[in-house]
N, C-alpha and C. Protein backbone atom coordinates (compact mmCIF):
# COMPACT_ATOMS: atom_id res chain seq x y z
N UNK A 1 -174.99 -58.44 90.85
CA UNK A 1 -173.75 -57.64 91.27
C UNK A 1 -173.27 -56.87 89.99
N UNK A 2 -172.55 -55.85 90.28
CA UNK A 2 -172.03 -54.87 89.25
C UNK A 2 -172.99 -54.27 88.27
N UNK A 3 -174.20 -54.12 88.75
CA UNK A 3 -175.32 -53.62 87.82
C UNK A 3 -175.13 -52.23 87.24
N UNK A 4 -174.22 -51.61 88.11
CA UNK A 4 -174.04 -50.13 87.91
C UNK A 4 -172.66 -49.66 87.60
N UNK A 5 -171.80 -50.67 87.40
CA UNK A 5 -170.56 -50.59 86.90
C UNK A 5 -170.16 -51.44 85.81
N UNK A 6 -170.14 -50.64 84.56
CA UNK A 6 -170.03 -51.49 83.18
C UNK A 6 -168.74 -52.39 83.29
N UNK A 7 -169.21 -53.57 82.45
CA UNK A 7 -168.10 -54.67 82.20
C UNK A 7 -166.90 -54.04 81.22
N UNK A 8 -167.41 -53.39 80.34
CA UNK A 8 -166.54 -52.92 79.14
C UNK A 8 -165.40 -52.25 79.95
N UNK A 9 -164.07 -52.34 79.67
CA UNK A 9 -162.97 -51.88 80.41
C UNK A 9 -162.95 -50.41 80.13
N UNK A 10 -163.35 -49.76 79.08
CA UNK A 10 -163.18 -48.35 78.67
C UNK A 10 -164.56 -47.61 79.51
N UNK A 11 -165.54 -48.12 79.42
CA UNK A 11 -166.71 -47.50 80.10
C UNK A 11 -166.46 -47.63 81.56
N UNK A 12 -165.95 -48.74 82.18
CA UNK A 12 -165.59 -49.11 83.48
C UNK A 12 -164.72 -48.01 84.07
N UNK A 13 -163.67 -47.86 83.37
CA UNK A 13 -162.75 -46.83 83.84
C UNK A 13 -163.18 -45.30 83.83
N UNK A 14 -164.01 -45.01 82.77
CA UNK A 14 -164.57 -43.94 82.69
C UNK A 14 -165.58 -43.54 83.92
N UNK A 15 -166.20 -44.61 84.23
CA UNK A 15 -167.26 -44.57 85.40
C UNK A 15 -166.51 -44.25 86.79
N UNK A 16 -165.33 -45.10 86.90
CA UNK A 16 -164.56 -44.81 88.12
C UNK A 16 -163.90 -43.60 88.12
N UNK A 17 -163.40 -42.90 86.99
CA UNK A 17 -162.86 -41.70 87.07
C UNK A 17 -163.77 -40.57 87.28
N UNK A 18 -165.08 -40.74 86.96
CA UNK A 18 -166.16 -39.75 87.39
C UNK A 18 -166.43 -39.86 88.79
N UNK A 19 -166.46 -41.18 89.30
CA UNK A 19 -166.79 -41.24 90.79
C UNK A 19 -165.52 -40.64 91.41
N UNK A 20 -164.34 -40.79 91.17
CA UNK A 20 -163.10 -40.04 91.57
C UNK A 20 -163.34 -38.51 91.66
N UNK A 21 -163.80 -38.13 90.34
CA UNK A 21 -163.91 -36.72 90.20
C UNK A 21 -165.05 -35.98 91.37
N UNK A 22 -165.90 -36.87 91.43
CA UNK A 22 -167.02 -36.43 92.31
C UNK A 22 -166.60 -36.36 93.66
N UNK A 23 -165.81 -37.33 93.98
CA UNK A 23 -165.27 -37.41 95.50
C UNK A 23 -164.41 -36.28 95.81
N UNK A 24 -163.48 -36.00 94.71
CA UNK A 24 -162.53 -34.75 94.89
C UNK A 24 -163.14 -33.34 94.81
N UNK A 25 -164.41 -33.42 94.20
CA UNK A 25 -164.85 -32.12 93.58
C UNK A 25 -166.01 -31.63 94.76
N UNK A 26 -166.86 -32.62 95.15
CA UNK A 26 -167.98 -32.15 95.89
C UNK A 26 -167.59 -31.52 97.40
N UNK A 27 -166.54 -31.92 98.05
CA UNK A 27 -166.35 -31.16 98.97
C UNK A 27 -166.21 -29.53 99.00
N UNK A 28 -165.66 -28.90 97.87
CA UNK A 28 -165.54 -27.83 97.61
C UNK A 28 -167.08 -27.12 97.37
N UNK A 29 -168.07 -28.18 96.83
CA UNK A 29 -169.25 -27.63 96.68
C UNK A 29 -170.17 -27.36 97.97
N UNK A 30 -170.17 -28.65 98.71
CA UNK A 30 -170.63 -28.57 100.21
C UNK A 30 -169.94 -27.87 101.04
N UNK A 31 -168.73 -28.23 101.23
CA UNK A 31 -167.87 -27.90 102.29
C UNK A 31 -167.58 -26.26 102.11
N UNK A 32 -167.27 -25.88 101.00
CA UNK A 32 -166.90 -24.57 100.64
C UNK A 32 -168.06 -23.65 100.35
N UNK A 33 -168.48 -23.94 99.19
CA UNK A 33 -169.66 -23.19 98.66
C UNK A 33 -170.84 -23.11 99.51
N UNK A 34 -171.25 -24.28 99.97
CA UNK A 34 -172.49 -24.46 100.56
C UNK A 34 -172.29 -23.79 102.04
N UNK A 35 -171.16 -24.04 102.61
CA UNK A 35 -170.97 -23.42 104.02
C UNK A 35 -170.86 -21.81 103.97
N UNK A 36 -170.08 -21.40 103.04
CA UNK A 36 -169.83 -19.81 103.03
C UNK A 36 -171.13 -19.09 102.56
N UNK A 37 -171.64 -19.79 101.47
CA UNK A 37 -172.93 -19.08 101.03
C UNK A 37 -174.08 -19.09 101.88
N UNK A 38 -174.41 -20.26 102.45
CA UNK A 38 -175.76 -20.55 103.12
C UNK A 38 -175.59 -20.69 104.67
N UNK A 39 -174.56 -21.10 105.13
CA UNK A 39 -174.48 -21.55 106.56
C UNK A 39 -173.50 -20.63 107.51
N UNK A 40 -172.60 -19.96 106.84
CA UNK A 40 -171.56 -19.36 107.79
C UNK A 40 -172.39 -18.08 108.60
N UNK A 41 -172.16 -18.16 109.89
CA UNK A 41 -172.89 -16.95 110.72
C UNK A 41 -172.19 -15.60 110.19
N UNK A 42 -171.02 -15.51 109.44
CA UNK A 42 -170.61 -14.19 109.19
C UNK A 42 -170.30 -14.52 107.59
N UNK A 43 -170.85 -13.53 106.81
CA UNK A 43 -170.75 -13.62 105.52
C UNK A 43 -169.45 -13.09 105.04
N UNK A 44 -168.50 -13.93 104.50
CA UNK A 44 -167.23 -13.28 104.10
C UNK A 44 -167.03 -13.34 102.50
N UNK A 45 -167.23 -12.14 101.87
CA UNK A 45 -167.26 -11.97 100.49
C UNK A 45 -166.28 -12.79 99.71
N UNK A 46 -164.96 -12.52 100.29
CA UNK A 46 -163.96 -13.31 99.44
C UNK A 46 -164.32 -14.90 99.46
N UNK A 47 -164.58 -15.38 100.54
CA UNK A 47 -165.00 -16.99 100.70
C UNK A 47 -166.01 -17.30 99.77
N UNK A 48 -167.16 -16.51 99.71
CA UNK A 48 -168.18 -16.73 98.99
C UNK A 48 -167.66 -16.66 97.52
N UNK A 49 -167.22 -15.75 97.16
CA UNK A 49 -166.69 -15.50 95.65
C UNK A 49 -165.84 -16.69 95.28
N UNK A 50 -164.70 -16.94 96.07
CA UNK A 50 -163.95 -18.12 95.65
C UNK A 50 -164.57 -19.40 95.52
N UNK A 51 -165.44 -19.78 96.29
CA UNK A 51 -166.13 -21.05 96.02
C UNK A 51 -167.21 -20.96 95.23
N UNK A 52 -167.94 -19.88 95.04
CA UNK A 52 -168.68 -19.65 93.85
C UNK A 52 -168.18 -20.10 92.55
N UNK A 53 -166.96 -19.45 92.28
CA UNK A 53 -166.14 -19.69 91.19
C UNK A 53 -165.86 -21.17 90.83
N UNK A 54 -165.42 -21.80 91.89
CA UNK A 54 -165.15 -23.30 92.00
C UNK A 54 -166.53 -24.06 91.56
N UNK A 55 -167.48 -23.66 92.15
CA UNK A 55 -168.74 -24.42 91.88
C UNK A 55 -169.22 -24.21 90.53
N UNK A 56 -169.03 -22.97 90.03
CA UNK A 56 -169.54 -22.72 88.57
C UNK A 56 -168.40 -23.61 87.58
N UNK A 57 -167.35 -23.56 87.90
CA UNK A 57 -166.11 -24.25 87.07
C UNK A 57 -166.51 -25.79 87.11
N UNK A 58 -166.87 -26.45 88.13
CA UNK A 58 -167.52 -27.68 88.18
C UNK A 58 -168.61 -27.98 87.41
N UNK A 59 -169.71 -27.10 87.61
CA UNK A 59 -170.79 -27.06 86.85
C UNK A 59 -170.53 -27.13 85.23
N UNK A 60 -169.40 -26.24 85.00
CA UNK A 60 -169.13 -26.19 83.40
C UNK A 60 -168.46 -27.50 83.01
N UNK A 61 -167.78 -28.15 83.76
CA UNK A 61 -167.09 -29.45 83.45
C UNK A 61 -168.27 -30.45 83.22
N UNK A 62 -169.15 -30.53 84.10
CA UNK A 62 -170.27 -31.43 83.76
C UNK A 62 -171.00 -30.93 82.57
N UNK A 63 -171.40 -29.75 82.31
CA UNK A 63 -172.14 -29.21 81.20
C UNK A 63 -171.39 -29.62 79.88
N UNK A 64 -170.15 -29.28 79.82
CA UNK A 64 -169.33 -29.51 78.43
C UNK A 64 -169.41 -31.18 78.32
N UNK A 65 -169.12 -31.99 79.33
CA UNK A 65 -169.34 -33.30 79.10
C UNK A 65 -170.65 -33.76 78.63
N UNK A 66 -171.48 -33.49 79.29
CA UNK A 66 -173.11 -33.96 78.98
C UNK A 66 -173.48 -33.40 77.81
N UNK A 67 -172.96 -32.22 77.41
CA UNK A 67 -173.41 -31.63 76.18
C UNK A 67 -172.73 -32.12 74.78
N UNK A 68 -171.44 -33.00 74.96
CA UNK A 68 -170.86 -33.64 74.07
C UNK A 68 -169.66 -32.48 73.54
N UNK A 69 -169.37 -31.51 74.27
CA UNK A 69 -168.44 -30.72 73.90
C UNK A 69 -166.77 -31.12 74.02
N UNK A 70 -166.81 -32.32 74.82
CA UNK A 70 -165.56 -32.85 75.13
C UNK A 70 -165.29 -34.08 74.07
N UNK A 71 -163.80 -34.20 73.86
CA UNK A 71 -163.36 -35.19 72.95
C UNK A 71 -163.42 -36.50 73.74
N UNK A 72 -164.39 -37.23 73.83
CA UNK A 72 -164.50 -38.46 74.58
C UNK A 72 -165.67 -39.05 73.86
N UNK A 73 -165.47 -40.51 73.86
CA UNK A 73 -166.53 -41.43 73.24
C UNK A 73 -167.72 -41.43 74.13
N UNK A 74 -167.56 -40.94 75.47
CA UNK A 74 -168.62 -41.06 76.40
C UNK A 74 -169.39 -39.71 76.68
N UNK A 75 -168.83 -38.72 75.91
CA UNK A 75 -169.47 -37.45 76.11
C UNK A 75 -170.52 -37.14 75.11
N UNK A 76 -171.53 -36.45 75.78
CA UNK A 76 -172.83 -36.11 74.97
C UNK A 76 -173.92 -37.15 75.02
N UNK A 77 -173.79 -38.20 75.89
CA UNK A 77 -174.83 -39.09 76.26
C UNK A 77 -176.07 -38.57 77.20
N UNK A 78 -176.80 -39.53 77.48
CA UNK A 78 -178.14 -39.19 78.36
C UNK A 78 -177.39 -39.27 79.68
N UNK A 79 -176.46 -39.81 79.98
CA UNK A 79 -175.81 -40.15 81.42
C UNK A 79 -174.47 -39.70 81.24
N UNK A 80 -173.68 -39.62 82.38
CA UNK A 80 -172.19 -39.37 82.68
C UNK A 80 -171.49 -40.28 81.66
N UNK A 81 -171.64 -41.49 81.59
CA UNK A 81 -170.91 -42.65 80.82
C UNK A 81 -171.72 -42.95 79.52
N UNK A 82 -171.90 -41.81 78.69
CA UNK A 82 -172.88 -42.13 77.61
C UNK A 82 -174.14 -42.35 77.78
N UNK A 83 -174.78 -43.62 77.32
CA UNK A 83 -175.99 -43.86 77.46
C UNK A 83 -176.24 -45.05 78.46
N UNK A 84 -175.38 -45.11 79.35
CA UNK A 84 -175.49 -46.18 80.37
C UNK A 84 -175.46 -45.60 81.87
N UNK A 85 -176.52 -45.84 82.44
CA UNK A 85 -176.75 -45.30 83.97
C UNK A 85 -175.75 -46.08 84.86
N UNK A 86 -174.90 -45.43 85.53
CA UNK A 86 -173.70 -46.08 86.32
C UNK A 86 -173.71 -45.52 87.66
N UNK A 87 -172.97 -46.00 88.74
CA UNK A 87 -172.68 -45.42 89.93
C UNK A 87 -172.27 -44.06 89.68
N UNK A 88 -171.54 -43.47 88.71
CA UNK A 88 -171.05 -42.30 88.61
C UNK A 88 -172.40 -41.29 88.69
N UNK A 89 -173.36 -41.62 88.10
CA UNK A 89 -174.66 -40.85 87.90
C UNK A 89 -175.32 -40.69 89.38
N UNK A 90 -175.24 -41.86 89.94
CA UNK A 90 -175.67 -41.74 91.39
C UNK A 90 -174.94 -40.96 92.37
N UNK A 91 -173.77 -40.91 91.98
CA UNK A 91 -172.88 -40.11 92.97
C UNK A 91 -173.02 -38.66 92.63
N UNK A 92 -173.10 -38.25 91.30
CA UNK A 92 -173.07 -37.01 90.92
C UNK A 92 -174.40 -36.13 91.08
N UNK A 93 -175.40 -36.77 90.69
CA UNK A 93 -176.66 -36.15 90.65
C UNK A 93 -177.23 -35.57 91.98
N UNK A 94 -177.07 -36.18 93.09
CA UNK A 94 -177.64 -35.62 94.29
C UNK A 94 -176.94 -34.24 94.75
N UNK A 95 -175.65 -34.13 94.45
CA UNK A 95 -174.98 -32.76 94.50
C UNK A 95 -175.30 -31.90 93.43
N UNK A 96 -174.95 -32.22 92.19
CA UNK A 96 -174.93 -31.27 91.23
C UNK A 96 -176.20 -31.15 90.55
N UNK A 97 -176.92 -32.05 90.33
CA UNK A 97 -178.41 -32.13 89.71
C UNK A 97 -179.35 -31.21 90.59
N UNK A 98 -179.14 -31.45 91.95
CA UNK A 98 -179.95 -30.59 92.80
C UNK A 98 -179.52 -28.98 92.71
N UNK A 99 -178.33 -28.92 92.71
CA UNK A 99 -177.79 -27.55 92.52
C UNK A 99 -178.18 -26.89 91.54
N UNK A 100 -178.19 -27.53 90.29
CA UNK A 100 -178.39 -26.90 88.91
C UNK A 100 -180.10 -26.68 88.90
N UNK A 101 -180.70 -27.32 89.57
CA UNK A 101 -182.17 -27.20 89.71
C UNK A 101 -182.62 -26.17 90.66
N UNK A 102 -181.62 -25.65 91.10
CA UNK A 102 -181.88 -24.60 92.35
C UNK A 102 -182.40 -25.08 93.65
N UNK A 103 -182.18 -26.45 94.04
CA UNK A 103 -182.78 -27.08 95.18
C UNK A 103 -181.82 -27.34 96.27
N UNK A 104 -180.53 -26.68 96.12
CA UNK A 104 -179.62 -26.80 97.25
C UNK A 104 -178.92 -25.47 97.54
N UNK A 105 -178.91 -25.12 98.71
CA UNK A 105 -178.64 -23.98 99.29
C UNK A 105 -179.37 -22.67 98.68
N UNK A 106 -180.51 -22.84 98.17
CA UNK A 106 -181.20 -21.89 97.50
C UNK A 106 -180.50 -20.94 96.73
N UNK A 107 -179.63 -21.46 95.85
CA UNK A 107 -178.54 -20.82 95.13
C UNK A 107 -178.73 -20.95 93.48
N UNK A 108 -179.83 -21.33 93.17
CA UNK A 108 -179.91 -21.58 91.67
C UNK A 108 -179.83 -20.43 91.00
N UNK A 109 -180.39 -19.32 91.36
CA UNK A 109 -180.29 -17.87 90.64
C UNK A 109 -178.99 -17.22 90.74
N UNK A 110 -178.28 -17.44 91.96
CA UNK A 110 -177.19 -16.91 92.18
C UNK A 110 -176.06 -17.59 91.46
N UNK A 111 -175.97 -18.76 91.29
CA UNK A 111 -175.08 -19.53 90.27
C UNK A 111 -175.39 -19.21 88.85
């Protein structure tokens, strides 16, 4: 048990924070960007642009964190919480990894 939730208090808090980030952010990605860009029967330019900017902002948050540009002892590691694979990676990857690889909504080049 607790295989993917670190025992170290700081790492555990960081993991839970990132899971909460994903839970609060992903609806804008799937429900907002994904809907208006890919599924809406009527293409509304304002809605597409609005949710595209938010999707790009979220990807930038992840890029800065993973590349080590954030002032955090967990920034710049192989995974979201440094070099430890956690539940945060499991929650974030299916949404954002697939999007970054162009496998979600056929939007890789668009973003």
